[in-house]
Amino acid sequence: MSNGDFQTYFHQRARRFSSFYASEPVARALGRGPMFDRLDGAIGMCTAAGATHVLDVGCGSGPLFAPLAQRGIRVTGIEPADNMVALANEQAKAFPDLLTVQQRGWEDLDEVDTYDVAVALGVFDYVADPAELLKRMGTAADQAIASFPSPGLRTDLRRVRYGMRGVAVHGYPVDGYEGLAGKAGMVVAEKRPLGKAGFLVRFERRAGRSPSS
């Protein structure tokens, strides 16, 4: 999958993806409850960590923005798809002192110890080099929170559906998070199941690892 395919897909479907968060009861009725489970889980983890500044990687239309800003947490969202950025900027207007949107992909993430927590929800599904993304998140912040789809029929069907549009989808076995963390200089601190959809995982920077290593 090329970066252009990925950006084009989410640019063209920005409003559709944003609409999934419009009604939690409707989303759950349609089998999209894990989207809210991972959202609630990430909010709780950020709050428990005492975060004051969160990096939202692949922020999409900004579903994390208002819940975190309402708790006084500053959020910087990064997102490459044009229409997603436009929707996120609309969300950011409600809390102009706390919310910032930057149009860029995770490949351009090079900050060091700038944030308390880095979050990526629904992003690792589409990343061919997950260890590199997690390493960059662990360089930008000493904690990282991410959702991962499990392998299985659900992911296989998504792989076929998205593959027809040039977008690759990846699944992650539950016993693979520690290996992924080790490659990125992180350790697994917490795992929460998202029903059959996958897991929400909190990583911490490995003891003795310098931010830039």
C-alpha atoms as a PDB file:
ATOM      1  CA  MET A   1       0.000   0.000   0.000  1.00  0.00           C
ATOM      2  CA  SER A   2       1.338   3.390  -0.877  1.00  0.00           C
ATOM      3  CA  ASN A   3       1.001   6.357   1.422  1.00  0.00           C
ATOM      4  CA  GLY A   4      -1.072   8.001  -1.299  1.00  0.00           C
ATOM      5  CA  ASP A   5      -3.588   5.127  -1.337  1.00  0.00           C
ATOM      6  CA  PHE A   6      -4.018   5.386   2.423  1.00  0.00           C
ATOM      7  CA  GLN A   7      -4.472   9.147   2.427  1.00  0.00           C
ATOM      8  CA  THR A   8      -6.868   9.033  -0.526  1.00  0.00           C
ATOM      9  CA  TYR A   9      -9.017   6.366   1.114  1.00  0.00           C
ATOM     10  CA  PHE A  10      -9.511   8.302   4.343  1.00  0.00           C
ATOM     11  CA  HIS A  11      -9.780  11.639   2.555  1.00  0.00           C
ATOM     12  CA  GLN A  12     -12.668  10.333   0.491  1.00  0.00           C
ATOM     13  CA  ARG A  13     -14.413   8.656   3.428  1.00  0.00           C
ATOM     14  CA  ALA A  14     -13.718  11.203   6.160  1.00  0.00           C
ATOM     15  CA  ARG A  15     -17.350  12.089   6.866  1.00  0.00           C
ATOM     16  CA  ARG A  16     -18.417   8.454   6.829  1.00  0.00           C
ATOM     17  CA  PHE A  17     -15.804   7.499   9.414  1.00  0.00           C
ATOM     18  CA  SER A  18     -16.617  10.565  11.487  1.00  0.00           C
ATOM     19  CA  SER A  19     -20.307   9.609  11.480  1.00  0.00           C
ATOM     20  CA  PHE A  20     -19.499   6.365  13.308  1.00  0.00           C
ATOM     21  CA  TYR A  21     -18.975   8.446  16.466  1.00  0.00           C
ATOM     22  CA  ALA A  22     -22.245  10.392  16.124  1.00  0.00           C
ATOM     23  CA  SER A  23     -24.309   7.916  18.179  1.00  0.00           C
ATOM     24  CA  GLU A  24     -22.870   5.284  20.480  1.00  0.00           C
ATOM     25  CA  PRO A  25     -26.128   3.232  20.642  1.00  0.00           C
ATOM     26  CA  VAL A  26     -26.347   3.122  16.843  1.00  0.00           C
ATOM     27  CA  ALA A  27     -22.669   2.249  16.528  1.00  0.00           C
ATOM     28  CA  ARG A  28     -23.035  -0.617  19.001  1.00  0.00           C
ATOM     29  CA  ALA A  29     -26.135  -1.887  17.208  1.00  0.00           C
ATOM     30  CA  LEU A  30     -24.069  -2.013  14.016  1.00  0.00           C
ATOM     31  CA  GLY A  31     -21.238  -3.925  15.708  1.00  0.00           C
ATOM     32  CA  ARG A  32     -18.922  -0.935  16.079  1.00  0.00           C
ATOM     33  CA  GLY A  33     -18.944  -0.872  19.870  1.00  0.00           C
ATOM     34  CA  PRO A  34     -15.175  -1.540  20.116  1.00  0.00           C
ATOM     35  CA  MET A  35     -14.600   1.938  18.654  1.00  0.00           C
ATOM     36  CA  PHE A  36     -16.177   3.436  21.773  1.00  0.00           C
ATOM     37  CA  ASP A  37     -14.519   0.898  24.058  1.00  0.00           C
ATOM     38  CA  ARG A  38     -11.078   1.874  22.799  1.00  0.00           C
ATOM     39  CA  LEU A  39     -11.982   5.574  23.005  1.00  0.00           C
ATOM     40  CA  ASP A  40     -13.169   5.277  26.614  1.00  0.00           C
ATOM     41  CA  GLY A  41     -10.171   3.135  27.498  1.00  0.00           C
ATOM     42  CA  ALA A  42      -7.681   5.607  26.057  1.00  0.00           C
ATOM     43  CA  ILE A  43      -9.348   8.510  27.870  1.00  0.00           C
ATOM     44  CA  GLY A  44      -9.168   6.607  31.137  1.00  0.00           C
ATOM     45  CA  MET A  45      -5.516   5.677  30.619  1.00  0.00           C
ATOM     46  CA  CYS A  46      -4.531   9.265  29.775  1.00  0.00           C
ATOM     47  CA  THR A  47      -6.364  10.533  32.847  1.00  0.00           C
ATOM     48  CA  ALA A  48      -4.818   7.883  35.107  1.00  0.00           C
ATOM     49  CA  ALA A  49      -1.362   8.821  33.803  1.00  0.00           C
ATOM     50  CA  GLY A  50      -1.932  12.434  34.822  1.00  0.00           C
ATOM     51  CA  ALA A  51      -1.322  13.551  31.236  1.00  0.00           C
ATOM     52  CA  THR A  52      -1.354  17.278  30.533  1.00  0.00           C
ATOM     53  CA  HIS A  53      -0.351  17.069  26.841  1.00  0.00           C
ATOM     54  CA  VAL A  54      -1.349  14.160  24.596  1.00  0.00           C
ATOM     55  CA  LEU A  55      -0.232  13.419  21.043  1.00  0.00           C
ATOM     56  CA  ASP A  56      -3.072  11.923  18.981  1.00  0.00           C
ATOM     57  CA  VAL A  57      -1.462  10.076  16.062  1.00  0.00           C
ATOM     58  CA  GLY A  58      -3.795   9.685  13.102  1.00  0.00           C
ATOM     59  CA  CYS A  59      -6.386  11.745  14.937  1.00  0.00           C
ATOM     60  CA  GLY A  60      -8.953  11.463  12.139  1.00  0.00           C
ATOM     61  CA  SER A  61     -11.894  13.783  12.749  1.00  0.00           C
ATOM     62  CA  GLY A  62     -10.883  14.234  16.389  1.00  0.00           C
ATOM     63  CA  PRO A  63     -13.118  11.953  18.521  1.00  0.00           C
ATOM     64  CA  LEU A  64     -10.557  12.132  21.344  1.00  0.00           C
ATOM     65  CA  PHE A  65     -10.394  15.922  21.313  1.00  0.00           C
ATOM     66  CA  ALA A  66     -13.433  17.038  23.317  1.00  0.00           C
ATOM     67  CA  PRO A  67     -13.281  14.269  25.970  1.00  0.00           C
ATOM     68  CA  LEU A  68      -9.653  15.100  26.770  1.00  0.00           C
ATOM     69  CA  ALA A  69     -10.018  18.883  26.490  1.00  0.00           C
ATOM     70  CA  GLN A  70     -12.995  18.767  28.857  1.00  0.00           C
ATOM     71  CA  ARG A  71     -10.576  17.289  31.389  1.00  0.00           C
ATOM     72  CA  GLY A  72      -8.139  20.151  30.852  1.00  0.00           C
ATOM     73  CA  ILE A  73      -5.741  18.025  28.789  1.00  0.00           C
ATOM     74  CA  ARG A  74      -3.990  19.647  25.835  1.00  0.00           C
ATOM     75  CA  VAL A  75      -4.046  17.596  22.626  1.00  0.00           C
ATOM     76  CA  THR A  76      -1.961  17.832  19.470  1.00  0.00           C
ATOM     77  CA  GLY A  77      -3.480  15.790  16.669  1.00  0.00           C
ATOM     78  CA  ILE A  78      -1.559  14.780  13.561  1.00  0.00           C
ATOM     79  CA  GLU A  79      -3.384  13.504  10.468  1.00  0.00           C
ATOM     80  CA  PRO A  80      -2.376  13.292   6.775  1.00  0.00           C
ATOM     81  CA  ALA A  81      -5.798  13.132   5.036  1.00  0.00           C
ATOM     82  CA  ASP A  82      -7.130  16.538   3.939  1.00  0.00           C
ATOM     83  CA  ASN A  83     -10.816  16.048   4.744  1.00  0.00           C
ATOM     84  CA  MET A  84     -10.037  14.463   8.092  1.00  0.00           C
ATOM     85  CA  VAL A  85      -7.893  17.484   8.959  1.00  0.00           C
ATOM     86  CA  ALA A  86     -10.763  19.803   8.041  1.00  0.00           C
ATOM     87  CA  LEU A  87     -13.151  17.898  10.314  1.00  0.00           C
ATOM     88  CA  ALA A  88     -10.604  17.820  13.131  1.00  0.00           C
ATOM     89  CA  ASN A  89     -10.092  21.572  12.855  1.00  0.00           C
ATOM     90  CA  GLU A  90     -13.855  22.027  13.284  1.00  0.00           C
ATOM     91  CA  GLN A  91     -13.660  20.025  16.502  1.00  0.00           C
ATOM     92  CA  ALA A  92     -10.657  22.035  17.664  1.00  0.00           C
ATOM     93  CA  LYS A  93     -12.564  25.331  17.461  1.00  0.00           C
ATOM     94  CA  ALA A  94     -14.474  24.406  20.627  1.00  0.00           C
ATOM     95  CA  PHE A  95     -11.253  24.429  22.697  1.00  0.00           C
ATOM     96  CA  PRO A  96      -8.813  26.705  20.831  1.00  0.00           C
ATOM     97  CA  ASP A  97      -6.401  26.924  23.763  1.00  0.00           C
ATOM     98  CA  LEU A  98      -6.143  23.168  24.192  1.00  0.00           C
ATOM     99  CA  LEU A  99      -6.472  21.590  20.738  1.00  0.00           C
ATOM    100  CA  THR A 100      -4.068  21.780  17.800  1.00  0.00           C
ATOM    101  CA  VAL A 101      -4.240  19.937  14.472  1.00  0.00           C
ATOM    102  CA  GLN A 102      -1.220  19.398  12.238  1.00  0.00           C
ATOM    103  CA  GLN A 103      -1.413  17.897   8.762  1.00  0.00           C
ATOM    104  CA  ARG A 104       1.319  15.287   8.643  1.00  0.00           C
ATOM    105  CA  GLY A 105       1.757  11.540   8.900  1.00  0.00           C
ATOM    106  CA  TRP A 106       3.437   9.515  11.594  1.00  0.00           C
ATOM    107  CA  GLU A 107       6.489   9.141   9.344  1.00  0.00           C
ATOM    108  CA  ASP A 108       7.192  12.827  10.075  1.00  0.00           C
ATOM    109  CA  LEU A 109       6.947  12.350  13.839  1.00  0.00           C
ATOM    110  CA  ASP A 110      10.367  13.287  15.220  1.00  0.00           C
ATOM    111  CA  GLU A 111       9.613  15.015  18.537  1.00  0.00           C
ATOM    112  CA  VAL A 112      11.551  13.984  21.651  1.00  0.00           C
ATOM    113  CA  ASP A 113       9.882  13.999  25.093  1.00  0.00           C
ATOM    114  CA  THR A 114       7.350  16.597  23.961  1.00  0.00           C
ATOM    115  CA  TYR A 115       4.197  14.858  25.247  1.00  0.00           C
ATOM    116  CA  ASP A 116       3.121  12.875  28.294  1.00  0.00           C
ATOM    117  CA  VAL A 117       1.266  10.210  26.306  1.00  0.00           C
ATOM    118  CA  ALA A 118       1.080   9.353  22.604  1.00  0.00           C
ATOM    119  CA  VAL A 119      -2.146   7.703  21.425  1.00  0.00           C
ATOM    120  CA  ALA A 120      -2.931   5.887  18.169  1.00  0.00           C
ATOM    121  CA  LEU A 121      -6.455   4.498  17.809  1.00  0.00           C
ATOM    122  CA  GLY A 122      -7.317   2.632  14.629  1.00  0.00           C
ATOM    123  CA  VAL A 123      -3.909   3.402  13.145  1.00  0.00           C
ATOM    124  CA  PHE A 124      -1.799   0.262  13.567  1.00  0.00           C
ATOM    125  CA  ASP A 125      -4.432  -1.546  11.488  1.00  0.00           C
ATOM    126  CA  TYR A 126      -2.865   0.079   8.410  1.00  0.00           C
ATOM    127  CA  VAL A 127       0.839   0.315   9.300  1.00  0.00           C
ATOM    128  CA  ALA A 128       3.366  -1.943   7.564  1.00  0.00           C
ATOM    129  CA  ASP A 129       6.167  -1.157  10.059  1.00  0.00           C
ATOM    130  CA  PRO A 130       4.457  -1.100  13.492  1.00  0.00           C
ATOM    131  CA  ALA A 131       7.712  -1.237  15.482  1.00  0.00           C
ATOM    132  CA  GLU A 132       8.924   1.982  13.846  1.00  0.00           C
ATOM    133  CA  LEU A 133       5.670   3.786  14.626  1.00  0.00           C
ATOM    134  CA  LEU A 134       5.690   2.576  18.234  1.00  0.00           C
ATOM    135  CA  LYS A 135       9.338   3.600  18.595  1.00  0.00           C
ATOM    136  CA  ARG A 136       8.534   7.119  17.376  1.00  0.00           C
ATOM    137  CA  MET A 137       5.603   7.330  19.779  1.00  0.00           C
ATOM    138  CA  GLY A 138       7.897   6.172  22.597  1.00  0.00           C
ATOM    139  CA  THR A 139      10.407   8.845  21.663  1.00  0.00           C
ATOM    140  CA  ALA A 140       7.790  11.595  21.652  1.00  0.00           C
ATOM    141  CA  ALA A 141       6.336  10.452  24.994  1.00  0.00           C
ATOM    142  CA  ASP A 142       7.309   7.936  27.653  1.00  0.00           C
ATOM    143  CA  GLN A 143       3.915   6.221  27.407  1.00  0.00           C
ATOM    144  CA  ALA A 144       2.060   5.068  24.299  1.00  0.00           C
ATOM    145  CA  ILE A 145      -1.512   3.825  23.983  1.00  0.00           C
ATOM    146  CA  ALA A 146      -2.652   2.014  20.859  1.00  0.00           C
ATOM    147  CA  SER A 147      -5.439  -0.200  19.585  1.00  0.00           C
ATOM    148  CA  PHE A 148      -4.715  -3.354  17.595  1.00  0.00           C
ATOM    149  CA  PRO A 149      -7.097  -5.586  15.624  1.00  0.00           C
ATOM    150  CA  SER A 150      -6.848  -9.303  16.311  1.00  0.00           C
ATOM    151  CA  PRO A 151      -6.301 -11.742  13.451  1.00  0.00           C
ATOM    152  CA  GLY A 152      -9.327 -13.773  12.484  1.00  0.00           C
ATOM    153  CA  LEU A 153     -12.431 -13.646  10.329  1.00  0.00           C
ATOM    154  CA  ARG A 154     -13.283 -10.041  11.213  1.00  0.00           C
ATOM    155  CA  THR A 155      -9.852  -8.812  10.145  1.00  0.00           C
ATOM    156  CA  ASP A 156      -9.784 -11.123   7.115  1.00  0.00           C
ATOM    157  CA  LEU A 157     -13.026  -9.607   5.824  1.00  0.00           C
ATOM    158  CA  ARG A 158     -11.690  -6.098   6.347  1.00  0.00           C
ATOM    159  CA  ARG A 159      -8.472  -7.083   4.580  1.00  0.00           C
ATOM    160  CA  VAL A 160     -10.434  -8.144   1.502  1.00  0.00           C
ATOM    161  CA  ARG A 161     -12.756  -5.126   1.570  1.00  0.00           C
ATOM    162  CA  TYR A 162     -10.036  -2.541   2.067  1.00  0.00           C
ATOM    163  CA  GLY A 163      -7.617  -4.370  -0.221  1.00  0.00           C
ATOM    164  CA  MET A 164      -9.973  -3.794  -3.141  1.00  0.00           C
ATOM    165  CA  ARG A 165      -9.290  -0.084  -2.584  1.00  0.00           C
ATOM    166  CA  GLY A 166      -5.531  -0.445  -2.295  1.00  0.00           C
ATOM    167  CA  VAL A 167      -5.370  -0.290   1.509  1.00  0.00           C
ATOM    168  CA  ALA A 168      -3.650  -3.082   3.470  1.00  0.00           C
ATOM    169  CA  VAL A 169      -5.020  -4.196   6.857  1.00  0.00           C
ATOM    170  CA  HIS A 170      -2.899  -5.958   9.495  1.00  0.00           C
ATOM    171  CA  GLY A 171      -3.903  -8.144  12.454  1.00  0.00           C
ATOM    172  CA  TYR A 172      -1.892  -8.627  15.665  1.00  0.00           C
ATOM    173  CA  PRO A 173      -1.900 -11.815  17.807  1.00  0.00           C
ATOM    174  CA  VAL A 174      -2.262 -11.227  21.536  1.00  0.00           C
ATOM    175  CA  ASP A 175       1.094 -12.906  22.243  1.00  0.00           C
ATOM    176  CA  GLY A 176       2.894 -10.567  19.833  1.00  0.00           C
ATOM    177  CA  TYR A 177       2.687  -7.278  21.740  1.00  0.00           C
ATOM    178  CA  GLU A 178       5.736  -7.968  23.915  1.00  0.00           C
ATOM    179  CA  GLY A 179       7.872  -8.673  20.856  1.00  0.00           C
ATOM    180  CA  LEU A 180       6.625  -5.524  19.154  1.00  0.00           C
ATOM    181  CA  ALA A 181       7.349  -3.524  22.294  1.00  0.00           C
ATOM    182  CA  GLY A 182      10.876  -4.938  22.547  1.00  0.00           C
ATOM    183  CA  LYS A 183      11.694  -3.872  18.985  1.00  0.00           C
ATOM    184  CA  ALA A 184      10.509  -0.347  19.808  1.00  0.00           C
ATOM    185  CA  GLY A 185      12.356   0.008  23.123  1.00  0.00           C
ATOM    186  CA  MET A 186       9.095  -0.235  25.065  1.00  0.00           C
ATOM    187  CA  VAL A 187       7.433  -2.676  27.474  1.00  0.00           C
ATOM    188  CA  VAL A 188       3.783  -3.708  27.707  1.00  0.00           C
ATOM    189  CA  ALA A 189       2.242  -2.153  30.816  1.00  0.00           C
ATOM    190  CA  GLU A 190      -1.443  -2.967  30.277  1.00  0.00           C
ATOM    191  CA  LYS A 191      -3.696  -4.857  27.874  1.00  0.00           C
ATOM    192  CA  ARG A 192      -7.467  -4.450  27.623  1.00  0.00           C
ATOM    193  CA  PRO A 193      -9.620  -6.645  25.360  1.00  0.00           C
ATOM    194  CA  LEU A 194     -11.939  -4.932  22.896  1.00  0.00           C
ATOM    195  CA  GLY A 195     -14.359  -7.829  22.598  1.00  0.00           C
ATOM    196  CA  LYS A 196     -13.450  -9.944  19.581  1.00  0.00           C
ATOM    197  CA  ALA A 197     -12.102  -6.915  17.740  1.00  0.00           C
ATOM    198  CA  GLY A 198      -8.669  -6.762  19.349  1.00  0.00           C
ATOM    199  CA  PHE A 199      -6.903  -5.060  22.239  1.00  0.00           C
ATOM    200  CA  LEU A 200      -6.077  -1.656  23.637  1.00  0.00           C
ATOM    201  CA  VAL A 201      -2.474  -1.729  24.827  1.00  0.00           C
ATOM    202  CA  ARG A 202      -0.539   0.718  26.974  1.00  0.00           C
ATOM    203  CA  PHE A 203       3.231   0.721  26.558  1.00  0.00           C
ATOM    204  CA  GLU A 204       5.901   2.373  28.668  1.00  0.00           C
ATOM    205  CA  ARG A 205       9.423   3.283  27.670  1.00  0.00           C
ATOM    206  CA  ARG A 206      11.850   0.539  28.661  1.00  0.00           C
ATOM    207  CA  ALA A 207      13.947   1.368  31.734  1.00  0.00           C
ATOM    208  CA  GLY A 208      17.327   2.709  30.741  1.00  0.00           C
ATOM    209  CA  ARG A 209      16.295   3.633  27.219  1.00  0.00           C
ATOM    210  CA  SER A 210      17.059   7.232  26.376  1.00  0.00           C
ATOM    211  CA  PRO A 211      14.284   9.005  24.448  1.00  0.00           C
ATOM    212  CA  SER A 212      16.305   9.341  21.261  1.00  0.00           C
ATOM    213  CA  SER A 213      17.781   5.829  21.195  1.00  0.00           C
END
